[in-house]
Amino acid sequence: MSKAKYGKKVVKTVVSHRICGTCKWWQRNRPGQEIRKHRCVHNHTGSARLMESVSGVQGIKELIDLWTFLKEMETIQ
C-alpha cells in the first residue's frame, strides 16, 4: 500500500529523443543524399541530465495549461 497521500500515479509523461534512427541510418549509409521524408522523433539536443529536467518542466507546464483550460470550461458550464 502506498504511503503517499494521493497514491503514486503517473499523471503526465513526456518522451524526449536525442537521436532519430532513420536520420542516423541515412547519414551513415547514404552520405550526401537528402534524407527521405519521415516522422522524425529528434526533439532534444544536449545531455541526458538536461533532457530529464527539461522534460519535467515541459510536463508541469502542460499540466498547468490543461488545468487552466479545465477551470475555464467549468466556469462556462
N, C-alpha and C. Protein backbone atom coordinates (compact mmCIF):
# COMPACT_ATOMS: atom_id res chain seq x y z
N MET A 1 0.85 -1.18 0.00
CA MET A 1 0.00 0.00 0.00
C MET A 1 0.89 1.24 0.00
N SER A 2 0.52 2.19 -0.79
CA SER A 2 1.30 3.41 -0.90
C SER A 2 1.09 4.30 0.31
N LYS A 3 2.17 4.90 0.78
CA LYS A 3 2.07 5.83 1.91
C LYS A 3 1.84 7.26 1.44
N ALA A 4 1.90 7.49 0.13
CA ALA A 4 1.66 8.83 -0.39
C ALA A 4 0.20 9.20 -0.19
N LYS A 5 -0.05 10.47 0.02
CA LYS A 5 -1.40 10.94 0.31
C LYS A 5 -2.38 10.62 -0.82
N TYR A 6 -1.98 10.87 -2.06
CA TYR A 6 -2.86 10.66 -3.19
C TYR A 6 -2.49 9.43 -4.02
N GLY A 7 -1.56 8.63 -3.55
CA GLY A 7 -1.14 7.46 -4.30
C GLY A 7 -0.04 7.82 -5.27
N LYS A 8 0.65 6.84 -5.77
CA LYS A 8 1.76 7.07 -6.69
C LYS A 8 1.29 6.78 -8.10
N LYS A 9 0.57 7.73 -8.69
CA LYS A 9 0.01 7.55 -10.01
C LYS A 9 0.71 8.47 -11.00
N VAL A 10 0.92 7.99 -12.19
CA VAL A 10 1.51 8.79 -13.25
C VAL A 10 0.42 9.69 -13.81
N VAL A 11 0.67 11.00 -13.83
CA VAL A 11 -0.32 11.94 -14.35
C VAL A 11 0.10 12.56 -15.67
N LYS A 12 1.38 12.48 -16.01
CA LYS A 12 1.87 13.08 -17.25
C LYS A 12 3.16 12.39 -17.66
N THR A 13 3.29 12.12 -18.95
CA THR A 13 4.55 11.59 -19.47
C THR A 13 5.02 12.47 -20.61
N VAL A 14 6.32 12.67 -20.69
CA VAL A 14 6.94 13.42 -21.77
C VAL A 14 8.08 12.55 -22.30
N VAL A 15 8.08 12.30 -23.60
CA VAL A 15 9.11 11.47 -24.22
C VAL A 15 10.04 12.36 -25.04
N SER A 16 11.33 12.28 -24.76
CA SER A 16 12.33 13.06 -25.49
C SER A 16 13.33 12.11 -26.15
N HIS A 17 13.78 12.48 -27.33
CA HIS A 17 14.74 11.67 -28.08
C HIS A 17 15.91 12.55 -28.52
N ARG A 18 17.12 12.06 -28.33
CA ARG A 18 18.30 12.77 -28.82
C ARG A 18 18.69 12.30 -30.21
N ILE A 19 18.27 11.09 -30.58
CA ILE A 19 18.70 10.50 -31.85
C ILE A 19 17.47 9.97 -32.59
N CYS A 20 17.43 10.20 -33.89
CA CYS A 20 16.41 9.61 -34.75
C CYS A 20 17.10 8.49 -35.54
N GLY A 21 16.59 7.27 -35.43
CA GLY A 21 17.19 6.13 -36.10
C GLY A 21 17.20 6.26 -37.61
N THR A 22 16.14 6.82 -38.18
CA THR A 22 16.07 6.98 -39.63
C THR A 22 17.11 7.99 -40.11
N CYS A 23 17.20 9.13 -39.44
CA CYS A 23 18.19 10.14 -39.82
C CYS A 23 19.60 9.58 -39.69
N LYS A 24 19.85 8.86 -38.60
CA LYS A 24 21.17 8.29 -38.37
C LYS A 24 21.53 7.28 -39.46
N TRP A 25 20.55 6.44 -39.86
CA TRP A 25 20.80 5.46 -40.91
C TRP A 25 21.14 6.14 -42.22
N TRP A 26 20.39 7.17 -42.60
CA TRP A 26 20.64 7.87 -43.86
C TRP A 26 22.00 8.57 -43.84
N GLN A 27 22.37 9.16 -42.72
CA GLN A 27 23.67 9.83 -42.63
C GLN A 27 24.81 8.82 -42.71
N ARG A 28 24.62 7.63 -42.16
CA ARG A 28 25.66 6.61 -42.16
C ARG A 28 25.75 5.88 -43.50
N ASN A 29 24.63 5.51 -44.09
CA ASN A 29 24.62 4.68 -45.29
C ASN A 29 24.48 5.44 -46.61
N ARG A 30 23.94 6.63 -46.57
CA ARG A 30 23.75 7.43 -47.78
C ARG A 30 24.26 8.85 -47.57
N PRO A 31 25.54 9.00 -47.26
CA PRO A 31 26.07 10.35 -47.01
C PRO A 31 25.96 11.21 -48.28
N GLY A 32 25.61 12.46 -48.07
CA GLY A 32 25.48 13.38 -49.19
C GLY A 32 24.10 13.42 -49.82
N GLN A 33 23.30 12.39 -49.60
CA GLN A 33 21.94 12.37 -50.15
C GLN A 33 20.98 13.04 -49.17
N GLU A 34 19.92 13.57 -49.73
CA GLU A 34 18.90 14.18 -48.88
C GLU A 34 18.13 13.07 -48.16
N ILE A 35 17.88 13.29 -46.89
CA ILE A 35 17.15 12.31 -46.08
C ILE A 35 15.69 12.30 -46.52
N ARG A 36 15.15 11.12 -46.72
CA ARG A 36 13.75 11.00 -47.13
C ARG A 36 12.82 11.54 -46.06
N LYS A 37 11.65 11.96 -46.51
CA LYS A 37 10.66 12.49 -45.59
C LYS A 37 10.20 11.36 -44.65
N HIS A 38 10.21 11.65 -43.37
CA HIS A 38 9.77 10.69 -42.37
C HIS A 38 9.31 11.42 -41.13
N ARG A 39 8.75 10.70 -40.21
CA ARG A 39 8.31 11.28 -38.94
C ARG A 39 9.49 11.26 -37.98
N CYS A 40 10.22 12.34 -37.94
CA CYS A 40 11.44 12.43 -37.15
C CYS A 40 11.10 12.61 -35.67
N VAL A 41 11.72 11.80 -34.81
CA VAL A 41 11.44 11.86 -33.38
C VAL A 41 12.48 12.69 -32.61
N HIS A 42 13.46 13.21 -33.31
CA HIS A 42 14.52 14.00 -32.66
C HIS A 42 13.91 15.30 -32.13
N ASN A 43 13.91 15.46 -30.81
CA ASN A 43 13.33 16.66 -30.23
C ASN A 43 14.14 17.20 -29.05
N HIS A 44 15.41 16.79 -28.95
CA HIS A 44 16.24 17.30 -27.85
C HIS A 44 17.70 17.32 -28.28
N THR A 45 18.39 18.38 -27.90
CA THR A 45 19.84 18.45 -28.05
C THR A 45 20.42 18.75 -26.68
N GLY A 46 21.50 18.12 -26.35
CA GLY A 46 22.14 18.33 -25.06
C GLY A 46 22.32 17.01 -24.32
N SER A 47 22.65 17.12 -23.04
CA SER A 47 22.96 15.94 -22.24
C SER A 47 21.69 15.25 -21.75
N ALA A 48 21.85 14.02 -21.29
CA ALA A 48 20.72 13.26 -20.75
C ALA A 48 20.22 13.90 -19.46
N ARG A 49 21.10 14.44 -18.68
CA ARG A 49 20.71 15.11 -17.43
C ARG A 49 19.84 16.32 -17.74
N LEU A 50 20.22 17.08 -18.74
CA LEU A 50 19.43 18.24 -19.15
C LEU A 50 18.09 17.80 -19.72
N MET A 51 18.07 16.68 -20.46
CA MET A 51 16.83 16.16 -21.05
C MET A 51 15.81 15.87 -19.96
N GLU A 52 16.26 15.29 -18.86
CA GLU A 52 15.35 14.93 -17.78
C GLU A 52 14.70 16.16 -17.16
N SER A 53 15.50 17.17 -16.89
CA SER A 53 14.95 18.37 -16.26
C SER A 53 14.07 19.17 -17.22
N VAL A 54 14.46 19.26 -18.49
CA VAL A 54 13.65 19.98 -19.48
C VAL A 54 12.32 19.28 -19.67
N SER A 55 12.34 17.95 -19.73
CA SER A 55 11.10 17.19 -19.89
C SER A 55 10.19 17.37 -18.67
N GLY A 56 10.77 17.42 -17.49
CA GLY A 56 9.97 17.65 -16.28
C GLY A 56 9.28 18.99 -16.29
N VAL A 57 10.02 20.03 -16.65
CA VAL A 57 9.45 21.37 -16.73
C VAL A 57 8.36 21.43 -17.80
N GLN A 58 8.60 20.80 -18.94
CA GLN A 58 7.63 20.78 -20.02
C GLN A 58 6.33 20.08 -19.56
N GLY A 59 6.47 18.98 -18.84
CA GLY A 59 5.30 18.27 -18.33
C GLY A 59 4.49 19.11 -17.35
N ILE A 60 5.18 19.82 -16.46
CA ILE A 60 4.50 20.69 -15.49
C ILE A 60 3.75 21.81 -16.22
N LYS A 61 4.39 22.41 -17.23
CA LYS A 61 3.73 23.49 -17.99
C LYS A 61 2.49 22.97 -18.71
N GLU A 62 2.57 21.78 -19.29
CA GLU A 62 1.42 21.21 -19.98
C GLU A 62 0.29 20.91 -19.00
N LEU A 63 0.62 20.43 -17.80
CA LEU A 63 -0.41 20.18 -16.79
C LEU A 63 -1.07 21.48 -16.34
N ILE A 64 -0.29 22.54 -16.17
CA ILE A 64 -0.84 23.83 -15.78
C ILE A 64 -1.78 24.35 -16.87
N ASP A 65 -1.35 24.23 -18.14
CA ASP A 65 -2.21 24.68 -19.24
C ASP A 65 -3.51 23.87 -19.28
N LEU A 66 -3.43 22.57 -19.07
CA LEU A 66 -4.61 21.72 -19.06
C LEU A 66 -5.54 22.10 -17.91
N TRP A 67 -4.96 22.33 -16.74
CA TRP A 67 -5.75 22.70 -15.56
C TRP A 67 -6.46 24.03 -15.80
N THR A 68 -5.77 25.00 -16.39
CA THR A 68 -6.37 26.30 -16.69
C THR A 68 -7.53 26.12 -17.67
N PHE A 69 -7.35 25.29 -18.69
CA PHE A 69 -8.40 25.03 -19.67
C PHE A 69 -9.61 24.39 -19.01
N LEU A 70 -9.36 23.41 -18.11
CA LEU A 70 -10.47 22.73 -17.44
C LEU A 70 -11.22 23.69 -16.53
N LYS A 71 -10.52 24.57 -15.84
CA LYS A 71 -11.16 25.56 -14.97
C LYS A 71 -12.03 26.50 -15.79
N GLU A 72 -11.54 26.91 -16.96
CA GLU A 72 -12.32 27.80 -17.82
C GLU A 72 -13.56 27.08 -18.33
N MET A 73 -13.46 25.80 -18.65
CA MET A 73 -14.61 25.04 -19.11
C MET A 73 -15.66 24.89 -18.01
N GLU A 74 -15.22 24.75 -16.76
CA GLU A 74 -16.15 24.64 -15.64
C GLU A 74 -16.92 25.93 -15.44
N THR A 75 -16.28 27.07 -15.62
CA THR A 75 -16.96 28.35 -15.40
C THR A 75 -17.95 28.63 -16.53
N ILE A 76 -17.69 28.11 -17.73
CA ILE A 76 -18.60 28.32 -18.86
C ILE A 76 -19.88 27.52 -18.65
N GLN A 77 -19.78 26.34 -18.13
CA GLN A 77 -20.96 25.47 -17.98
C GLN A 77 -21.75 25.84 -16.80
